[in-house]
Amino acid sequence: MKYLELLAVNNRSNTHARFMSDNTTTVSYINSMGSCKSIECNTITKDIWDWARERNIWLSAAHILGSSNVVADQLSQNLTDLNLE
């Protein structure tokens, strides 16, 4: 379930997109362009960065307190409901 916020990347092109997440794993994977700690998270991160590079998008992420991140948590809950785990 840690990877769900990685799937919340929005569709934009020729820009810099900064994502706010209350999930430190998501922030780390996006900013580091992956990691070797989780194959699943690394694969999703690689797919996100490949998608972004094809559209000339630079991604970055910053941490936000969970209490300030209600909308994104609701969106990731909807992904859970779709059985993407």
C-alpha atoms as a PDB file:
ATOM      1  CA  MET A   1       0.000   0.000   0.000  1.00  0.00           C
ATOM      2  CA  LYS A   2       3.036   2.276   0.338  1.00  0.00           C
ATOM      3  CA  TYR A   3       3.162   2.626  -3.435  1.00  0.00           C
ATOM      4  CA  LEU A   4      -0.339   4.017  -3.971  1.00  0.00           C
ATOM      5  CA  GLU A   5       0.676   7.661  -3.662  1.00  0.00           C
ATOM      6  CA  LEU A   6       3.255   7.088  -6.401  1.00  0.00           C
ATOM      7  CA  LEU A   7       0.338   6.354  -8.716  1.00  0.00           C
ATOM      8  CA  ALA A   8      -1.189   9.778  -8.069  1.00  0.00           C
ATOM      9  CA  VAL A   9       1.115  11.570 -10.533  1.00  0.00           C
ATOM     10  CA  ASN A  10      -0.942  13.973 -12.654  1.00  0.00           C
ATOM     11  CA  ASN A  11      -0.864  14.379 -16.476  1.00  0.00           C
ATOM     12  CA  ARG A  12       1.168  17.484 -17.464  1.00  0.00           C
ATOM     13  CA  SER A  13       3.856  18.275 -20.079  1.00  0.00           C
ATOM     14  CA  ASN A  14       6.897  20.538 -20.593  1.00  0.00           C
ATOM     15  CA  THR A  15       6.984  21.636 -16.970  1.00  0.00           C
ATOM     16  CA  HIS A  16       8.200  20.972 -13.463  1.00  0.00           C
ATOM     17  CA  ALA A  17       5.711  19.135 -11.272  1.00  0.00           C
ATOM     18  CA  ARG A  18       6.182  19.180  -7.503  1.00  0.00           C
ATOM     19  CA  PHE A  19       4.147  16.682  -5.558  1.00  0.00           C
ATOM     20  CA  MET A  20       3.281  16.975  -1.908  1.00  0.00           C
ATOM     21  CA  SER A  21       2.933  13.700  -0.023  1.00  0.00           C
ATOM     22  CA  ASP A  22       2.584  12.630   3.575  1.00  0.00           C
ATOM     23  CA  ASN A  23       4.373   9.424   2.646  1.00  0.00           C
ATOM     24  CA  THR A  24       8.132   9.741   3.110  1.00  0.00           C
ATOM     25  CA  THR A  25       8.731   6.673   0.942  1.00  0.00           C
ATOM     26  CA  THR A  26       6.976   8.359  -1.989  1.00  0.00           C
ATOM     27  CA  VAL A  27       8.973  11.560  -1.488  1.00  0.00           C
ATOM     28  CA  SER A  28      12.242   9.636  -1.349  1.00  0.00           C
ATOM     29  CA  TYR A  29      11.539   7.456  -4.391  1.00  0.00           C
ATOM     30  CA  ILE A  30      10.463  10.379  -6.581  1.00  0.00           C
ATOM     31  CA  ASN A  31      13.377  12.609  -5.561  1.00  0.00           C
ATOM     32  CA  SER A  32      15.932   9.787  -5.871  1.00  0.00           C
ATOM     33  CA  MET A  33      14.395   8.411  -9.091  1.00  0.00           C
ATOM     34  CA  GLY A  34      14.030   5.050  -7.375  1.00  0.00           C
ATOM     35  CA  SER A  35      15.787   2.874  -4.824  1.00  0.00           C
ATOM     36  CA  CYS A  36      16.858  -0.711  -4.315  1.00  0.00           C
ATOM     37  CA  LYS A  37      14.830  -1.262  -1.137  1.00  0.00           C
ATOM     38  CA  SER A  38      11.523  -2.230  -2.795  1.00  0.00           C
ATOM     39  CA  ILE A  39      11.333  -3.751  -6.257  1.00  0.00           C
ATOM     40  CA  GLU A  40       7.654  -2.832  -6.540  1.00  0.00           C
ATOM     41  CA  CYS A  41       8.198   0.831  -5.568  1.00  0.00           C
ATOM     42  CA  ASN A  42      11.271   1.049  -7.793  1.00  0.00           C
ATOM     43  CA  THR A  43       9.362  -0.332 -10.787  1.00  0.00           C
ATOM     44  CA  ILE A  44       6.505   2.132 -10.312  1.00  0.00           C
ATOM     45  CA  THR A  45       8.969   4.996  -9.860  1.00  0.00           C
ATOM     46  CA  LYS A  46      10.825   4.014 -13.038  1.00  0.00           C
ATOM     47  CA  ASP A  47       7.512   3.939 -14.943  1.00  0.00           C
ATOM     48  CA  ILE A  48       6.590   7.385 -13.570  1.00  0.00           C
ATOM     49  CA  TRP A  49       9.980   8.863 -14.519  1.00  0.00           C
ATOM     50  CA  ASP A  50       9.876   7.254 -17.991  1.00  0.00           C
ATOM     51  CA  TRP A  51       6.422   8.754 -18.503  1.00  0.00           C
ATOM     52  CA  ALA A  52       7.650  12.146 -17.280  1.00  0.00           C
ATOM     53  CA  ARG A  53      10.777  12.148 -19.471  1.00  0.00           C
ATOM     54  CA  GLU A  54       8.673  11.380 -22.552  1.00  0.00           C
ATOM     55  CA  ARG A  55       6.743  14.589 -21.826  1.00  0.00           C
ATOM     56  CA  ASN A  56       9.712  16.712 -20.783  1.00  0.00           C
ATOM     57  CA  ILE A  57       8.530  16.878 -17.174  1.00  0.00           C
ATOM     58  CA  TRP A  58      10.850  17.248 -14.209  1.00  0.00           C
ATOM     59  CA  LEU A  59       9.414  15.780 -11.019  1.00  0.00           C
ATOM     60  CA  SER A  60      10.116  16.545  -7.401  1.00  0.00           C
ATOM     61  CA  ALA A  61       8.340  15.734  -4.181  1.00  0.00           C
ATOM     62  CA  ALA A  62       8.099  17.322  -0.757  1.00  0.00           C
ATOM     63  CA  HIS A  63       6.741  16.044   2.531  1.00  0.00           C
ATOM     64  CA  ILE A  64       3.467  17.385   3.903  1.00  0.00           C
ATOM     65  CA  LEU A  65       1.867  16.529   7.232  1.00  0.00           C
ATOM     66  CA  GLY A  66      -0.775  13.821   6.964  1.00  0.00           C
ATOM     67  CA  SER A  67      -3.348  16.090   8.583  1.00  0.00           C
ATOM     68  CA  SER A  68      -2.836  18.520   5.674  1.00  0.00           C
ATOM     69  CA  ASN A  69      -3.086  15.852   2.976  1.00  0.00           C
ATOM     70  CA  VAL A  70      -6.718  14.763   3.219  1.00  0.00           C
ATOM     71  CA  VAL A  71      -7.579  14.988  -0.507  1.00  0.00           C
ATOM     72  CA  ALA A  72      -4.625  12.870  -1.676  1.00  0.00           C
ATOM     73  CA  ASP A  73      -5.344  10.270   0.979  1.00  0.00           C
ATOM     74  CA  GLN A  74      -8.931  10.059  -0.263  1.00  0.00           C
ATOM     75  CA  LEU A  75      -7.665   9.590  -3.834  1.00  0.00           C
ATOM     76  CA  SER A  76      -5.261   6.823  -2.804  1.00  0.00           C
ATOM     77  CA  GLN A  77      -8.106   5.147  -0.880  1.00  0.00           C
ATOM     78  CA  ASN A  78     -10.079   5.061  -4.150  1.00  0.00           C
ATOM     79  CA  LEU A  79      -7.125   3.253  -5.768  1.00  0.00           C
ATOM     80  CA  THR A  80      -7.194   0.730  -2.923  1.00  0.00           C
ATOM     81  CA  ASP A  81     -10.876   0.184  -3.614  1.00  0.00           C
ATOM     82  CA  LEU A  82      -9.929  -0.783  -7.191  1.00  0.00           C
ATOM     83  CA  ASN A  83      -7.747  -3.621  -5.804  1.00  0.00           C
ATOM     84  CA  LEU A  84      -4.475  -2.263  -7.199  1.00  0.00           C
ATOM     85  CA  GLU A  85      -2.509  -3.639  -4.267  1.00  0.00           C
END
